[in-house]
Amino acid sequence: MDIILKYFPEIDEKQRSQFAALNDLYHDWNNKINVISRKDIDSLYEHHVLHSLAIAKALKFREGTKILDLGTGGGFPGIPLAIMFPGSSFKLIDGTGKKILVVKEVAKAIGLENCEAEQIRGENETGKYDFVVSRAVMPMPDLVKLVKKNIAKTQRNSLPNGLICLKGGNVDAEIKPYKHIADVTEISTMFSEEWFKQKYLIYLPL
């Protein structure tokens, strides 16, 4: 939890208690339903929560912003972002029912009112959103094809509506078709921990 305060000291008491509650909740749920790898659960805050919040370093969502988290898994990046931006609304979707069950239960336990979760595949999601966020779900070209239909026309943020992805490793081939418009940020420029080396935030206006 200290790692969150290191980079986001401005969060209020409610947000602090919501972030603090994630540790026990995810450990408990992970014992019943494996949503985070066993070796990774002890690095929950660094590898999952803080990683998700790289998006919050890149863009402060304005009040009323609508965000879709595609392939949320156990709720990342959607749940940390929903805590960070209580004035925005989030829909977290995944094709796996047990993962969505965990997301719903975690959100309910911490009183997260700006977040809904649904078991649905990306191709069947018809809603319109300012941004689609995603963490290593599929290659960029497939992702772009899938989410283009979900990007709203009306703009309300400092960045144009589009796709924000968290990726690791060599991303050159994936972003080649978009290299003139994609904005790629090394997450290690935001967070100093060793784990963030070769992790990237990719923003693509759509």
C-alpha atoms as a PDB file:
ATOM      1  CA  MET A   1       0.000   0.000   0.000  1.00  0.00           C
ATOM      2  CA  ASP A   2       2.889   2.434   0.737  1.00  0.00           C
ATOM      3  CA  ILE A   3       3.886   2.211  -2.913  1.00  0.00           C
ATOM      4  CA  ILE A   4       0.547   3.810  -3.913  1.00  0.00           C
ATOM      5  CA  LEU A   5       1.050   6.712  -1.481  1.00  0.00           C
ATOM      6  CA  LYS A   6       4.610   7.156  -2.771  1.00  0.00           C
ATOM      7  CA  TYR A   7       3.276   8.131  -6.209  1.00  0.00           C
ATOM      8  CA  PHE A   8      -0.215   9.402  -5.331  1.00  0.00           C
ATOM      9  CA  PRO A   9       0.144  11.201  -1.974  1.00  0.00           C
ATOM     10  CA  GLU A  10      -2.852  13.405  -2.810  1.00  0.00           C
ATOM     11  CA  ILE A  11      -5.500  10.657  -2.505  1.00  0.00           C
ATOM     12  CA  ASP A  12      -8.143  11.202   0.185  1.00  0.00           C
ATOM     13  CA  GLU A  13      -9.022   9.027   3.194  1.00  0.00           C
ATOM     14  CA  LYS A  14     -11.789   7.140   1.398  1.00  0.00           C
ATOM     15  CA  GLN A  15      -9.471   6.275  -1.493  1.00  0.00           C
ATOM     16  CA  ARG A  16      -6.726   5.211   0.938  1.00  0.00           C
ATOM     17  CA  SER A  17      -9.077   2.832   2.737  1.00  0.00           C
ATOM     18  CA  GLN A  18     -10.383   1.435  -0.577  1.00  0.00           C
ATOM     19  CA  PHE A  19      -6.853   0.767  -1.833  1.00  0.00           C
ATOM     20  CA  ALA A  20      -5.843  -0.703   1.545  1.00  0.00           C
ATOM     21  CA  ALA A  21      -8.797  -3.123   1.476  1.00  0.00           C
ATOM     22  CA  LEU A  22      -7.711  -4.656  -1.841  1.00  0.00           C
ATOM     23  CA  ASN A  23      -4.929  -6.717  -0.263  1.00  0.00           C
ATOM     24  CA  ASP A  24      -7.105  -8.939   1.928  1.00  0.00           C
ATOM     25  CA  LEU A  25      -9.927  -9.082  -0.622  1.00  0.00           C
ATOM     26  CA  TYR A  26      -7.728 -10.299  -3.467  1.00  0.00           C
ATOM     27  CA  HIS A  27      -5.825 -12.749  -1.283  1.00  0.00           C
ATOM     28  CA  ASP A  28      -9.131 -14.162  -0.033  1.00  0.00           C
ATOM     29  CA  TRP A  29     -10.727 -14.419  -3.478  1.00  0.00           C
ATOM     30  CA  ASN A  30      -7.555 -15.777  -5.038  1.00  0.00           C
ATOM     31  CA  ASN A  31      -7.684 -18.734  -2.650  1.00  0.00           C
ATOM     32  CA  LYS A  32     -11.169 -19.554  -3.991  1.00  0.00           C
ATOM     33  CA  ILE A  33     -10.826 -18.514  -7.635  1.00  0.00           C
ATOM     34  CA  ASN A  34      -7.382 -18.092  -9.140  1.00  0.00           C
ATOM     35  CA  VAL A  35      -7.587 -14.673 -10.845  1.00  0.00           C
ATOM     36  CA  ILE A  36      -3.983 -13.597 -10.182  1.00  0.00           C
ATOM     37  CA  SER A  37      -1.065 -15.996 -10.520  1.00  0.00           C
ATOM     38  CA  ARG A  38       0.026 -17.460  -7.182  1.00  0.00           C
ATOM     39  CA  LYS A  39       3.563 -16.068  -7.463  1.00  0.00           C
ATOM     40  CA  ASP A  40       2.192 -12.623  -8.306  1.00  0.00           C
ATOM     41  CA  ILE A  41      -0.416 -12.160  -5.572  1.00  0.00           C
ATOM     42  CA  ASP A  42       2.204 -11.049  -3.008  1.00  0.00           C
ATOM     43  CA  SER A  43       3.212  -8.248  -5.400  1.00  0.00           C
ATOM     44  CA  LEU A  44      -0.421  -7.148  -5.811  1.00  0.00           C
ATOM     45  CA  TYR A  45       0.205  -3.436  -5.252  1.00  0.00           C
ATOM     46  CA  GLU A  46       3.263  -3.132  -7.480  1.00  0.00           C
ATOM     47  CA  HIS A  47       2.400  -5.516 -10.313  1.00  0.00           C
ATOM     48  CA  HIS A  48      -1.341  -4.913 -10.531  1.00  0.00           C
ATOM     49  CA  VAL A  49      -2.572  -1.818  -8.686  1.00  0.00           C
ATOM     50  CA  LEU A  50       0.310   0.573  -9.413  1.00  0.00           C
ATOM     51  CA  HIS A  51       0.699  -0.828 -12.934  1.00  0.00           C
ATOM     52  CA  SER A  52      -2.969   0.006 -13.569  1.00  0.00           C
ATOM     53  CA  LEU A  53      -2.440   3.508 -12.182  1.00  0.00           C
ATOM     54  CA  ALA A  54       0.166   4.313 -14.853  1.00  0.00           C
ATOM     55  CA  ILE A  55      -2.950   5.353 -16.804  1.00  0.00           C
ATOM     56  CA  ALA A  56      -3.783   7.847 -14.032  1.00  0.00           C
ATOM     57  CA  LYS A  57      -0.292   9.343 -14.385  1.00  0.00           C
ATOM     58  CA  ALA A  58      -0.800   9.761 -18.132  1.00  0.00           C
ATOM     59  CA  LEU A  59      -4.308  11.246 -18.053  1.00  0.00           C
ATOM     60  CA  LYS A  60      -6.578  12.725 -15.391  1.00  0.00           C
ATOM     61  CA  PHE A  61     -10.064  11.676 -16.488  1.00  0.00           C
ATOM     62  CA  ARG A  62     -12.535  14.569 -16.223  1.00  0.00           C
ATOM     63  CA  GLU A  63     -15.860  14.308 -14.375  1.00  0.00           C
ATOM     64  CA  GLY A  64     -18.382  12.337 -16.409  1.00  0.00           C
ATOM     65  CA  THR A  65     -15.800  10.441 -18.499  1.00  0.00           C
ATOM     66  CA  LYS A  66     -16.957   6.943 -19.506  1.00  0.00           C
ATOM     67  CA  ILE A  67     -14.320   4.203 -19.639  1.00  0.00           C
ATOM     68  CA  LEU A  68     -14.547   0.587 -20.794  1.00  0.00           C
ATOM     69  CA  ASP A  69     -12.033  -1.910 -19.363  1.00  0.00           C
ATOM     70  CA  LEU A  70     -11.855  -4.668 -21.965  1.00  0.00           C
ATOM     71  CA  GLY A  71     -10.708  -8.097 -20.722  1.00  0.00           C
ATOM     72  CA  THR A  72     -10.494  -6.890 -17.128  1.00  0.00           C
ATOM     73  CA  GLY A  73      -9.553 -10.272 -15.632  1.00  0.00           C
ATOM     74  CA  GLY A  74      -9.650  -9.762 -11.862  1.00  0.00           C
ATOM     75  CA  GLY A  75     -10.415  -6.043 -12.267  1.00  0.00           C
ATOM     76  CA  PHE A  76      -7.261  -4.449 -13.687  1.00  0.00           C
ATOM     77  CA  PRO A  77      -6.841  -1.692 -14.658  1.00  0.00           C
ATOM     78  CA  GLY A  78     -10.512  -0.875 -14.014  1.00  0.00           C
ATOM     79  CA  ILE A  79     -10.840  -1.141 -10.226  1.00  0.00           C
ATOM     80  CA  PRO A  80      -7.761   0.957  -9.305  1.00  0.00           C
ATOM     81  CA  LEU A  81      -8.807   3.579 -11.883  1.00  0.00           C
ATOM     82  CA  ALA A  82     -12.398   3.655 -10.568  1.00  0.00           C
ATOM     83  CA  ILE A  83     -11.023   4.303  -7.053  1.00  0.00           C
ATOM     84  CA  MET A  84      -8.776   7.058  -8.398  1.00  0.00           C
ATOM     85  CA  PHE A  85     -11.502   8.763 -10.475  1.00  0.00           C
ATOM     86  CA  PRO A  86     -14.799   8.621  -8.520  1.00  0.00           C
ATOM     87  CA  GLY A  87     -16.360  11.193 -10.876  1.00  0.00           C
ATOM     88  CA  SER A  88     -15.910   8.953 -13.939  1.00  0.00           C
ATOM     89  CA  SER A  89     -17.883   5.805 -14.753  1.00  0.00           C
ATOM     90  CA  PHE A  90     -16.310   2.459 -15.571  1.00  0.00           C
ATOM     91  CA  LYS A  91     -17.605  -0.714 -17.183  1.00  0.00           C
ATOM     92  CA  LEU A  92     -15.392  -3.771 -16.694  1.00  0.00           C
ATOM     93  CA  ILE A  93     -15.985  -6.681 -19.050  1.00  0.00           C
ATOM     94  CA  ASP A  94     -14.507 -10.151 -19.421  1.00  0.00           C
ATOM     95  CA  GLY A  95     -15.597 -13.349 -21.122  1.00  0.00           C
ATOM     96  CA  THR A  96     -14.907 -15.447 -17.995  1.00  0.00           C
ATOM     97  CA  GLY A  97     -17.765 -15.499 -15.488  1.00  0.00           C
ATOM     98  CA  LYS A  98     -15.743 -16.342 -12.388  1.00  0.00           C
ATOM     99  CA  LYS A  99     -13.441 -13.370 -12.977  1.00  0.00           C
ATOM    100  CA  ILE A 100     -16.432 -11.040 -13.248  1.00  0.00           C
ATOM    101  CA  LEU A 101     -17.810 -12.526 -10.011  1.00  0.00           C
ATOM    102  CA  VAL A 102     -14.569 -11.516  -8.239  1.00  0.00           C
ATOM    103  CA  VAL A 103     -14.705  -8.012  -9.758  1.00  0.00           C
ATOM    104  CA  LYS A 104     -18.308  -7.515  -8.606  1.00  0.00           C
ATOM    105  CA  GLU A 105     -17.583  -8.753  -5.088  1.00  0.00           C
ATOM    106  CA  VAL A 106     -14.431  -6.623  -4.686  1.00  0.00           C
ATOM    107  CA  ALA A 107     -16.226  -3.507  -5.991  1.00  0.00           C
ATOM    108  CA  LYS A 108     -19.152  -4.136  -3.630  1.00  0.00           C
ATOM    109  CA  ALA A 109     -16.884  -4.761  -0.626  1.00  0.00           C
ATOM    110  CA  ILE A 110     -15.081  -1.418  -1.011  1.00  0.00           C
ATOM    111  CA  GLY A 111     -18.237   0.555  -1.882  1.00  0.00           C
ATOM    112  CA  LEU A 112     -17.214   1.378  -5.439  1.00  0.00           C
ATOM    113  CA  GLU A 113     -20.321   2.991  -6.929  1.00  0.00           C
ATOM    114  CA  ASN A 114     -18.917   4.192 -10.268  1.00  0.00           C
ATOM    115  CA  CYS A 115     -18.059   0.743 -11.569  1.00  0.00           C
ATOM    116  CA  GLU A 116     -20.143  -2.032 -13.155  1.00  0.00           C
ATOM    117  CA  ALA A 117     -18.973  -5.438 -14.329  1.00  0.00           C
ATOM    118  CA  GLU A 118     -20.441  -7.785 -16.914  1.00  0.00           C
ATOM    119  CA  GLN A 119     -19.547 -11.143 -18.413  1.00  0.00           C
ATOM    120  CA  ILE A 120     -19.560 -10.308 -22.113  1.00  0.00           C
ATOM    121  CA  ARG A 121     -17.131 -10.684 -24.997  1.00  0.00           C
ATOM    122  CA  GLY A 122     -15.658  -7.522 -26.506  1.00  0.00           C
ATOM    123  CA  GLU A 123     -17.324  -8.059 -29.878  1.00  0.00           C
ATOM    124  CA  ASN A 124     -20.755  -8.073 -28.186  1.00  0.00           C
ATOM    125  CA  GLU A 125     -20.240  -4.867 -26.189  1.00  0.00           C
ATOM    126  CA  THR A 126     -22.195  -2.097 -27.934  1.00  0.00           C
ATOM    127  CA  GLY A 127     -21.816   0.852 -25.518  1.00  0.00           C
ATOM    128  CA  LYS A 128     -20.012   4.094 -26.389  1.00  0.00           C
ATOM    129  CA  TYR A 129     -17.082   5.268 -24.252  1.00  0.00           C
ATOM    130  CA  ASP A 130     -14.557   8.102 -24.192  1.00  0.00           C
ATOM    131  CA  PHE A 131     -11.729   5.629 -23.636  1.00  0.00           C
ATOM    132  CA  VAL A 132     -11.176   1.891 -23.793  1.00  0.00           C
ATOM    133  CA  VAL A 133      -8.448   0.676 -21.436  1.00  0.00           C
ATOM    134  CA  SER A 134      -6.811  -2.726 -21.581  1.00  0.00           C
ATOM    135  CA  ARG A 135      -3.918  -4.653 -20.085  1.00  0.00           C
ATOM    136  CA  ALA A 136      -2.087  -7.099 -22.369  1.00  0.00           C
ATOM    137  CA  VAL A 137      -5.311  -8.642 -23.684  1.00  0.00           C
ATOM    138  CA  MET A 138      -4.475  -9.109 -27.377  1.00  0.00           C
ATOM    139  CA  PRO A 139      -2.234  -7.673 -30.124  1.00  0.00           C
ATOM    140  CA  MET A 140      -2.902  -4.008 -30.923  1.00  0.00           C
ATOM    141  CA  PRO A 141      -4.300  -4.484 -34.466  1.00  0.00           C
ATOM    142  CA  ASP A 142      -6.910  -6.973 -33.156  1.00  0.00           C
ATOM    143  CA  LEU A 143      -7.739  -4.689 -30.266  1.00  0.00           C
ATOM    144  CA  VAL A 144      -8.165  -1.622 -32.478  1.00  0.00           C
ATOM    145  CA  LYS A 145     -10.500  -3.544 -34.800  1.00  0.00           C
ATOM    146  CA  LEU A 146     -12.543  -4.713 -31.834  1.00  0.00           C
ATOM    147  CA  VAL A 147     -12.981  -1.408 -29.991  1.00  0.00           C
ATOM    148  CA  LYS A 148     -13.355   1.148 -32.802  1.00  0.00           C
ATOM    149  CA  LYS A 149     -17.146   0.718 -32.610  1.00  0.00           C
ATOM    150  CA  ASN A 150     -17.123   1.614 -28.881  1.00  0.00           C
ATOM    151  CA  ILE A 151     -15.387   5.014 -29.067  1.00  0.00           C
ATOM    152  CA  ALA A 152     -17.765   7.964 -28.578  1.00  0.00           C
ATOM    153  CA  LYS A 153     -17.645  10.986 -30.901  1.00  0.00           C
ATOM    154  CA  THR A 154     -18.081  13.680 -28.216  1.00  0.00           C
ATOM    155  CA  GLN A 155     -14.799  14.791 -26.608  1.00  0.00           C
ATOM    156  CA  ARG A 156     -14.506  15.804 -22.946  1.00  0.00           C
ATOM    157  CA  ASN A 157     -10.848  15.274 -22.000  1.00  0.00           C
ATOM    158  CA  SER A 158      -7.499  16.909 -22.749  1.00  0.00           C
ATOM    159  CA  LEU A 159      -6.613  13.919 -24.969  1.00  0.00           C
ATOM    160  CA  PRO A 160      -8.894  12.875 -27.839  1.00  0.00           C
ATOM    161  CA  ASN A 161     -10.995   9.757 -27.214  1.00  0.00           C
ATOM    162  CA  GLY A 162      -9.266   6.481 -27.925  1.00  0.00           C
ATOM    163  CA  LEU A 163      -7.508   3.391 -26.649  1.00  0.00           C
ATOM    164  CA  ILE A 164      -5.057   3.205 -23.719  1.00  0.00           C
ATOM    165  CA  CYS A 165      -3.159  -0.076 -23.333  1.00  0.00           C
ATOM    166  CA  LEU A 166      -0.625  -1.424 -20.886  1.00  0.00           C
ATOM    167  CA  LYS A 167       1.898  -3.691 -22.596  1.00  0.00           C
ATOM    168  CA  GLY A 168       5.212  -5.389 -21.820  1.00  0.00           C
ATOM    169  CA  GLY A 169       8.227  -6.485 -23.857  1.00  0.00           C
ATOM    170  CA  ASN A 170       8.987  -5.433 -27.410  1.00  0.00           C
ATOM    171  CA  VAL A 171       5.982  -3.533 -28.790  1.00  0.00           C
ATOM    172  CA  ASP A 172       7.570  -2.296 -32.046  1.00  0.00           C
ATOM    173  CA  ALA A 173       5.830  -4.775 -34.349  1.00  0.00           C
ATOM    174  CA  GLU A 174       2.428  -4.238 -32.735  1.00  0.00           C
ATOM    175  CA  ILE A 175       2.485  -0.476 -32.999  1.00  0.00           C
ATOM    176  CA  LYS A 176       4.084  -0.330 -36.456  1.00  0.00           C
ATOM    177  CA  PRO A 177       0.743   0.279 -38.248  1.00  0.00           C
ATOM    178  CA  TYR A 178       0.058   3.216 -35.891  1.00  0.00           C
ATOM    179  CA  LYS A 179       3.549   4.599 -35.363  1.00  0.00           C
ATOM    180  CA  HIS A 180       2.601   8.057 -36.691  1.00  0.00           C
ATOM    181  CA  ILE A 181      -0.284   8.499 -34.230  1.00  0.00           C
ATOM    182  CA  ALA A 182       0.508   6.212 -31.264  1.00  0.00           C
ATOM    183  CA  ASP A 183       2.033   7.759 -28.157  1.00  0.00           C
ATOM    184  CA  VAL A 184       4.266   5.232 -26.365  1.00  0.00           C
ATOM    185  CA  THR A 185       5.477   5.992 -22.825  1.00  0.00           C
ATOM    186  CA  GLU A 186       7.932   3.877 -20.858  1.00  0.00           C
ATOM    187  CA  ILE A 187       6.303   3.261 -17.475  1.00  0.00           C
ATOM    188  CA  SER A 188       9.778   3.254 -15.899  1.00  0.00           C
ATOM    189  CA  THR A 189       9.757   7.049 -16.465  1.00  0.00           C
ATOM    190  CA  MET A 190       6.767   7.241 -14.087  1.00  0.00           C
ATOM    191  CA  PHE A 191       7.681   4.598 -11.505  1.00  0.00           C
ATOM    192  CA  SER A 192      11.255   3.772 -10.463  1.00  0.00           C
ATOM    193  CA  GLU A 193      10.767   0.116  -9.428  1.00  0.00           C
ATOM    194  CA  GLU A 194      12.803  -2.404 -11.459  1.00  0.00           C
ATOM    195  CA  TRP A 195       9.664  -4.356 -12.438  1.00  0.00           C
ATOM    196  CA  PHE A 196       8.459  -1.499 -14.677  1.00  0.00           C
ATOM    197  CA  LYS A 197      11.408  -1.729 -17.063  1.00  0.00           C
ATOM    198  CA  GLN A 198      10.210  -2.728 -20.539  1.00  0.00           C
ATOM    199  CA  LYS A 199       6.607  -1.951 -19.582  1.00  0.00           C
ATOM    200  CA  TYR A 200       4.778   0.545 -21.762  1.00  0.00           C
ATOM    201  CA  LEU A 201       1.673   2.670 -21.848  1.00  0.00           C
ATOM    202  CA  ILE A 202       0.354   3.049 -25.388  1.00  0.00           C
ATOM    203  CA  TYR A 203      -2.221   5.700 -26.229  1.00  0.00           C
ATOM    204  CA  LEU A 204      -3.936   5.636 -29.597  1.00  0.00           C
ATOM    205  CA  PRO A 205      -6.530   8.246 -30.583  1.00  0.00           C
ATOM    206  CA  LEU A 206      -9.403   6.573 -32.467  1.00  0.00           C
END
